[in-house]
Amino acid sequence: MAPFTIRKYGDPVLRQRAAEVTEIDGKLAKLASDMLVTMYDEPGAGLAAPQVGVQKRLFVYDVGEGPRTIVNPRIVESDGEWAYDEGCLSIPGLSFELVRPNHVHLVGYDLDGNELSIEASELEGRCFQHELDHLDGVLMFDRMTPEQRKEALAEWRRLQTEPVAEPKKRRLRLG
């Protein structure tokens, strides 16, 4: 059983900017471990701390290369453009094509306090951008065109009164 319940759209914690992590210790490592269990249980490819009610700048992810944790992440460069169907664990049942930069350069720290510098594109780069948005209180709806947002919010309201069915095609479900 997952250690955390993922916060859903409408929870005010999802709209707040998370605080910088000031100490990397065993408590933070336990948080990351519990977040990974929760992420895999959903299943998802990424999960940001605010999604489990913790206002710290930290996210976990696994886009097929094993689990990783990034503390105090920042994107320092981005370029290109890539449209892809994106979903969110905090907005279950919805997936929409979003356009984001294709290549990003992310910096941050690992759980040992080592500096990280990662060049990423496609799924990994998209995951970084999605999870960083959560750390800044930004949701998928905020990245949509006005037409997409109107459709997505109508669908979200409909899903609140009906059971959530899994999408027919596999989509990237991020945090």
C-alpha atoms as a PDB file:
ATOM      1  CA  MET A   1       0.000   0.000   0.000  1.00  0.00           C
ATOM      2  CA  ALA A   2       1.220   3.473  -0.889  1.00  0.00           C
ATOM      3  CA  PRO A   3       2.499   5.518   2.064  1.00  0.00           C
ATOM      4  CA  PHE A   4       0.869   8.705   0.720  1.00  0.00           C
ATOM      5  CA  THR A   5      -2.391   9.749  -0.879  1.00  0.00           C
ATOM      6  CA  ILE A   6      -1.808  11.914  -3.915  1.00  0.00           C
ATOM      7  CA  ARG A   7      -3.435  15.333  -3.640  1.00  0.00           C
ATOM      8  CA  LYS A   8      -5.934  16.044  -6.414  1.00  0.00           C
ATOM      9  CA  TYR A   9      -6.814  19.151  -8.387  1.00  0.00           C
ATOM     10  CA  GLY A  10      -8.595  21.623  -6.131  1.00  0.00           C
ATOM     11  CA  ASP A  11      -6.315  20.994  -3.134  1.00  0.00           C
ATOM     12  CA  PRO A  12      -4.727  24.373  -2.304  1.00  0.00           C
ATOM     13  CA  VAL A  13      -1.319  22.790  -1.598  1.00  0.00           C
ATOM     14  CA  LEU A  14      -0.968  22.192  -5.350  1.00  0.00           C
ATOM     15  CA  ARG A  15      -1.088  25.935  -6.036  1.00  0.00           C
ATOM     16  CA  GLN A  16       1.668  26.975  -3.621  1.00  0.00           C
ATOM     17  CA  ARG A  17       5.355  27.375  -4.419  1.00  0.00           C
ATOM     18  CA  ALA A  18       7.358  24.798  -2.472  1.00  0.00           C
ATOM     19  CA  ALA A  19      10.177  25.889  -0.142  1.00  0.00           C
ATOM     20  CA  GLU A  20      13.842  25.203  -0.852  1.00  0.00           C
ATOM     21  CA  VAL A  21      15.259  22.166   0.913  1.00  0.00           C
ATOM     22  CA  THR A  22      17.810  23.392   3.464  1.00  0.00           C
ATOM     23  CA  GLU A  23      19.013  20.053   4.789  1.00  0.00           C
ATOM     24  CA  ILE A  24      19.539  16.761   2.991  1.00  0.00           C
ATOM     25  CA  ASP A  25      19.303  14.054   5.631  1.00  0.00           C
ATOM     26  CA  GLY A  26      17.790  10.652   6.394  1.00  0.00           C
ATOM     27  CA  LYS A  27      14.348  12.181   6.838  1.00  0.00           C
ATOM     28  CA  LEU A  28      14.469  13.581   3.297  1.00  0.00           C
ATOM     29  CA  ALA A  29      15.716  10.221   1.957  1.00  0.00           C
ATOM     30  CA  LYS A  30      12.767   8.470   3.682  1.00  0.00           C
ATOM     31  CA  LEU A  31      10.368  11.000   2.146  1.00  0.00           C
ATOM     32  CA  ALA A  32      11.832  10.313  -1.317  1.00  0.00           C
ATOM     33  CA  SER A  33      11.608   6.550  -0.782  1.00  0.00           C
ATOM     34  CA  ASP A  34       7.960   6.788   0.299  1.00  0.00           C
ATOM     35  CA  MET A  35       7.220   9.059  -2.652  1.00  0.00           C
ATOM     36  CA  LEU A  36       8.688   6.466  -5.040  1.00  0.00           C
ATOM     37  CA  VAL A  37       6.487   3.721  -3.573  1.00  0.00           C
ATOM     38  CA  THR A  38       3.471   6.016  -3.998  1.00  0.00           C
ATOM     39  CA  MET A  39       4.478   6.921  -7.564  1.00  0.00           C
ATOM     40  CA  TYR A  40       4.935   3.296  -8.619  1.00  0.00           C
ATOM     41  CA  ASP A  41       1.637   2.327  -6.968  1.00  0.00           C
ATOM     42  CA  GLU A  42      -0.349   4.741  -9.183  1.00  0.00           C
ATOM     43  CA  PRO A  43       1.588   4.026 -11.619  1.00  0.00           C
ATOM     44  CA  GLY A  44       3.325   7.232 -12.629  1.00  0.00           C
ATOM     45  CA  ALA A  45       6.630   8.390 -14.068  1.00  0.00           C
ATOM     46  CA  GLY A  46       7.192  11.292 -11.656  1.00  0.00           C
ATOM     47  CA  LEU A  47       5.918  12.738  -8.400  1.00  0.00           C
ATOM     48  CA  ALA A  48       6.623  16.089  -6.738  1.00  0.00           C
ATOM     49  CA  ALA A  49       6.590  16.549  -2.952  1.00  0.00           C
ATOM     50  CA  PRO A  50       3.637  19.001  -2.972  1.00  0.00           C
ATOM     51  CA  GLN A  51       1.520  16.265  -4.558  1.00  0.00           C
ATOM     52  CA  VAL A  52       1.793  14.352  -1.282  1.00  0.00           C
ATOM     53  CA  GLY A  53       1.276  17.478   0.824  1.00  0.00           C
ATOM     54  CA  VAL A  54       4.943  18.255   1.520  1.00  0.00           C
ATOM     55  CA  GLN A  55       5.991  21.783   0.580  1.00  0.00           C
ATOM     56  CA  LYS A  56       9.623  21.025  -0.309  1.00  0.00           C
ATOM     57  CA  ARG A  57      11.426  21.462  -3.626  1.00  0.00           C
ATOM     58  CA  LEU A  58      11.964  17.783  -4.351  1.00  0.00           C
ATOM     59  CA  PHE A  59      10.686  15.302  -6.909  1.00  0.00           C
ATOM     60  CA  VAL A  60      11.188  11.647  -7.750  1.00  0.00           C
ATOM     61  CA  TYR A  61      10.948  10.070 -11.171  1.00  0.00           C
ATOM     62  CA  ASP A  62      11.584   6.978 -13.249  1.00  0.00           C
ATOM     63  CA  VAL A  63      11.285   7.186 -17.022  1.00  0.00           C
ATOM     64  CA  GLY A  64      12.676   3.694 -17.544  1.00  0.00           C
ATOM     65  CA  GLU A  65      16.232   4.055 -16.259  1.00  0.00           C
ATOM     66  CA  GLY A  66      15.536   3.441 -12.582  1.00  0.00           C
ATOM     67  CA  PRO A  67      14.354   5.687  -9.769  1.00  0.00           C
ATOM     68  CA  ARG A  68      15.983   9.054  -9.160  1.00  0.00           C
ATOM     69  CA  THR A  69      15.453  11.972  -6.804  1.00  0.00           C
ATOM     70  CA  ILE A  70      16.205  15.617  -7.550  1.00  0.00           C
ATOM     71  CA  VAL A  71      16.433  18.154  -4.708  1.00  0.00           C
ATOM     72  CA  ASN A  72      16.090  21.911  -5.341  1.00  0.00           C
ATOM     73  CA  PRO A  73      15.890  21.480  -9.125  1.00  0.00           C
ATOM     74  CA  ARG A  74      16.137  24.352 -11.585  1.00  0.00           C
ATOM     75  CA  ILE A  75      15.989  24.407 -15.351  1.00  0.00           C
ATOM     76  CA  VAL A  76      18.769  26.686 -16.535  1.00  0.00           C
ATOM     77  CA  GLU A  77      18.326  26.230 -20.284  1.00  0.00           C
ATOM     78  CA  SER A  78      15.679  24.938 -22.649  1.00  0.00           C
ATOM     79  CA  ASP A  79      15.127  24.825 -26.389  1.00  0.00           C
ATOM     80  CA  GLY A  80      13.177  23.155 -29.121  1.00  0.00           C
ATOM     81  CA  GLU A  81       9.541  22.218 -29.049  1.00  0.00           C
ATOM     82  CA  TRP A  82       7.773  18.903 -28.545  1.00  0.00           C
ATOM     83  CA  ALA A  83       4.053  18.136 -28.468  1.00  0.00           C
ATOM     84  CA  TYR A  84       3.082  15.044 -26.478  1.00  0.00           C
ATOM     85  CA  ASP A  85       0.052  13.639 -24.641  1.00  0.00           C
ATOM     86  CA  GLU A  86       0.643  14.397 -20.975  1.00  0.00           C
ATOM     87  CA  GLY A  87      -1.320  13.296 -17.923  1.00  0.00           C
ATOM     88  CA  CYS A  88      -0.988  14.081 -14.222  1.00  0.00           C
ATOM     89  CA  LEU A  89      -1.439  11.967 -11.102  1.00  0.00           C
ATOM     90  CA  SER A  90      -3.142  14.953  -9.442  1.00  0.00           C
ATOM     91  CA  ILE A  91      -5.622  15.200 -12.321  1.00  0.00           C
ATOM     92  CA  PRO A  92      -6.439  11.503 -12.877  1.00  0.00           C
ATOM     93  CA  GLY A  93      -8.325  10.408 -15.947  1.00  0.00           C
ATOM     94  CA  LEU A  94      -7.245  13.324 -18.152  1.00  0.00           C
ATOM     95  CA  SER A  95      -4.547  13.512 -20.761  1.00  0.00           C
ATOM     96  CA  PHE A  96      -3.969  16.268 -23.289  1.00  0.00           C
ATOM     97  CA  GLU A  97      -1.388  17.172 -25.873  1.00  0.00           C
ATOM     98  CA  LEU A  98       0.856  19.883 -24.487  1.00  0.00           C
ATOM     99  CA  VAL A  99       3.710  21.661 -26.204  1.00  0.00           C
ATOM    100  CA  ARG A 100       6.846  22.095 -24.100  1.00  0.00           C
ATOM    101  CA  PRO A 101      10.520  22.608 -24.874  1.00  0.00           C
ATOM    102  CA  ASN A 102      12.104  19.369 -26.078  1.00  0.00           C
ATOM    103  CA  HIS A 103      15.545  19.854 -24.532  1.00  0.00           C
ATOM    104  CA  VAL A 104      16.278  21.084 -21.017  1.00  0.00           C
ATOM    105  CA  HIS A 105      19.317  21.474 -18.813  1.00  0.00           C
ATOM    106  CA  LEU A 106      18.392  20.793 -15.196  1.00  0.00           C
ATOM    107  CA  VAL A 107      20.580  21.403 -12.157  1.00  0.00           C
ATOM    108  CA  GLY A 108      19.960  20.370  -8.569  1.00  0.00           C
ATOM    109  CA  TYR A 109      21.211  17.917  -5.947  1.00  0.00           C
ATOM    110  CA  ASP A 110      20.925  14.206  -5.271  1.00  0.00           C
ATOM    111  CA  LEU A 111      20.181  12.676  -1.861  1.00  0.00           C
ATOM    112  CA  ASP A 112      23.907  12.607  -1.033  1.00  0.00           C
ATOM    113  CA  GLY A 113      24.152  16.364  -1.521  1.00  0.00           C
ATOM    114  CA  ASN A 114      26.075  16.028  -4.789  1.00  0.00           C
ATOM    115  CA  GLU A 115      25.420  18.620  -7.471  1.00  0.00           C
ATOM    116  CA  LEU A 116      23.593  17.330 -10.528  1.00  0.00           C
ATOM    117  CA  SER A 117      23.668  18.707 -14.043  1.00  0.00           C
ATOM    118  CA  ILE A 118      21.439  16.782 -16.451  1.00  0.00           C
ATOM    119  CA  GLU A 119      20.792  17.416 -20.132  1.00  0.00           C
ATOM    120  CA  ALA A 120      17.458  15.794 -21.001  1.00  0.00           C
ATOM    121  CA  SER A 121      15.049  15.633 -23.890  1.00  0.00           C
ATOM    122  CA  GLU A 122      11.755  14.032 -24.820  1.00  0.00           C
ATOM    123  CA  LEU A 123      10.236  12.008 -21.939  1.00  0.00           C
ATOM    124  CA  GLU A 124      12.879  12.787 -19.331  1.00  0.00           C
ATOM    125  CA  GLY A 125      12.917  16.479 -20.232  1.00  0.00           C
ATOM    126  CA  ARG A 126       9.115  16.619 -20.165  1.00  0.00           C
ATOM    127  CA  CYS A 127       9.072  14.884 -16.779  1.00  0.00           C
ATOM    128  CA  PHE A 128      11.488  17.478 -15.372  1.00  0.00           C
ATOM    129  CA  GLN A 129       9.329  20.336 -16.639  1.00  0.00           C
ATOM    130  CA  HIS A 130       6.094  18.797 -15.343  1.00  0.00           C
ATOM    131  CA  GLU A 131       7.472  18.099 -11.855  1.00  0.00           C
ATOM    132  CA  LEU A 132       9.139  21.514 -11.634  1.00  0.00           C
ATOM    133  CA  ASP A 133       5.772  23.060 -12.475  1.00  0.00           C
ATOM    134  CA  HIS A 134       4.340  21.286  -9.414  1.00  0.00           C
ATOM    135  CA  LEU A 135       7.097  22.764  -7.259  1.00  0.00           C
ATOM    136  CA  ASP A 136       6.045  26.213  -8.495  1.00  0.00           C
ATOM    137  CA  GLY A 137       2.297  25.664  -7.973  1.00  0.00           C
ATOM    138  CA  VAL A 138       1.626  25.333 -11.716  1.00  0.00           C
ATOM    139  CA  LEU A 139      -0.711  22.636 -13.018  1.00  0.00           C
ATOM    140  CA  MET A 140      -1.256  21.072 -16.423  1.00  0.00           C
ATOM    141  CA  PHE A 141      -4.372  23.229 -16.936  1.00  0.00           C
ATOM    142  CA  ASP A 142      -2.128  26.311 -16.798  1.00  0.00           C
ATOM    143  CA  ARG A 143      -0.079  25.045 -19.764  1.00  0.00           C
ATOM    144  CA  MET A 144      -3.091  24.436 -22.013  1.00  0.00           C
ATOM    145  CA  THR A 145      -4.496  26.624 -24.726  1.00  0.00           C
ATOM    146  CA  PRO A 146      -7.771  28.338 -23.726  1.00  0.00           C
ATOM    147  CA  GLU A 147      -9.716  25.814 -25.849  1.00  0.00           C
ATOM    148  CA  GLN A 148      -7.922  22.832 -24.263  1.00  0.00           C
ATOM    149  CA  ARG A 149      -8.449  24.261 -20.781  1.00  0.00           C
ATOM    150  CA  LYS A 150     -12.190  24.699 -21.345  1.00  0.00           C
ATOM    151  CA  GLU A 151     -12.495  21.117 -22.624  1.00  0.00           C
ATOM    152  CA  ALA A 152     -10.255  19.712 -19.867  1.00  0.00           C
ATOM    153  CA  LEU A 153     -12.115  21.470 -17.039  1.00  0.00           C
ATOM    154  CA  ALA A 154     -15.470  20.285 -18.425  1.00  0.00           C
ATOM    155  CA  GLU A 155     -14.109  16.730 -18.592  1.00  0.00           C
ATOM    156  CA  TRP A 156     -12.694  17.056 -15.047  1.00  0.00           C
ATOM    157  CA  ARG A 157     -16.106  18.118 -13.726  1.00  0.00           C
ATOM    158  CA  ARG A 158     -17.728  15.177 -15.535  1.00  0.00           C
ATOM    159  CA  LEU A 159     -15.178  12.754 -14.070  1.00  0.00           C
ATOM    160  CA  GLN A 160     -15.985  13.955 -10.553  1.00  0.00           C
ATOM    161  CA  THR A 161     -19.459  12.430 -10.892  1.00  0.00           C
ATOM    162  CA  GLU A 162     -18.470   9.309 -12.851  1.00  0.00           C
ATOM    163  CA  PRO A 163     -15.897   6.586 -12.227  1.00  0.00           C
ATOM    164  CA  VAL A 164     -12.478   7.148 -13.781  1.00  0.00           C
ATOM    165  CA  ALA A 165     -11.719   4.718 -16.603  1.00  0.00           C
ATOM    166  CA  GLU A 166      -8.160   4.140 -17.718  1.00  0.00           C
ATOM    167  CA  PRO A 167      -7.335   5.855 -21.019  1.00  0.00           C
ATOM    168  CA  LYS A 168      -7.481   3.561 -24.037  1.00  0.00           C
ATOM    169  CA  LYS A 169      -3.938   4.319 -25.145  1.00  0.00           C
ATOM    170  CA  ARG A 170      -0.855   4.490 -22.951  1.00  0.00           C
ATOM    171  CA  ARG A 171       0.061   8.034 -22.027  1.00  0.00           C
ATOM    172  CA  LEU A 172       2.797   9.455 -19.895  1.00  0.00           C
ATOM    173  CA  ARG A 173       1.350   9.941 -16.410  1.00  0.00           C
ATOM    174  CA  LEU A 174       3.545  12.349 -14.562  1.00  0.00           C
ATOM    175  CA  GLY A 175       3.283  13.666 -11.059  1.00  0.00           C
END
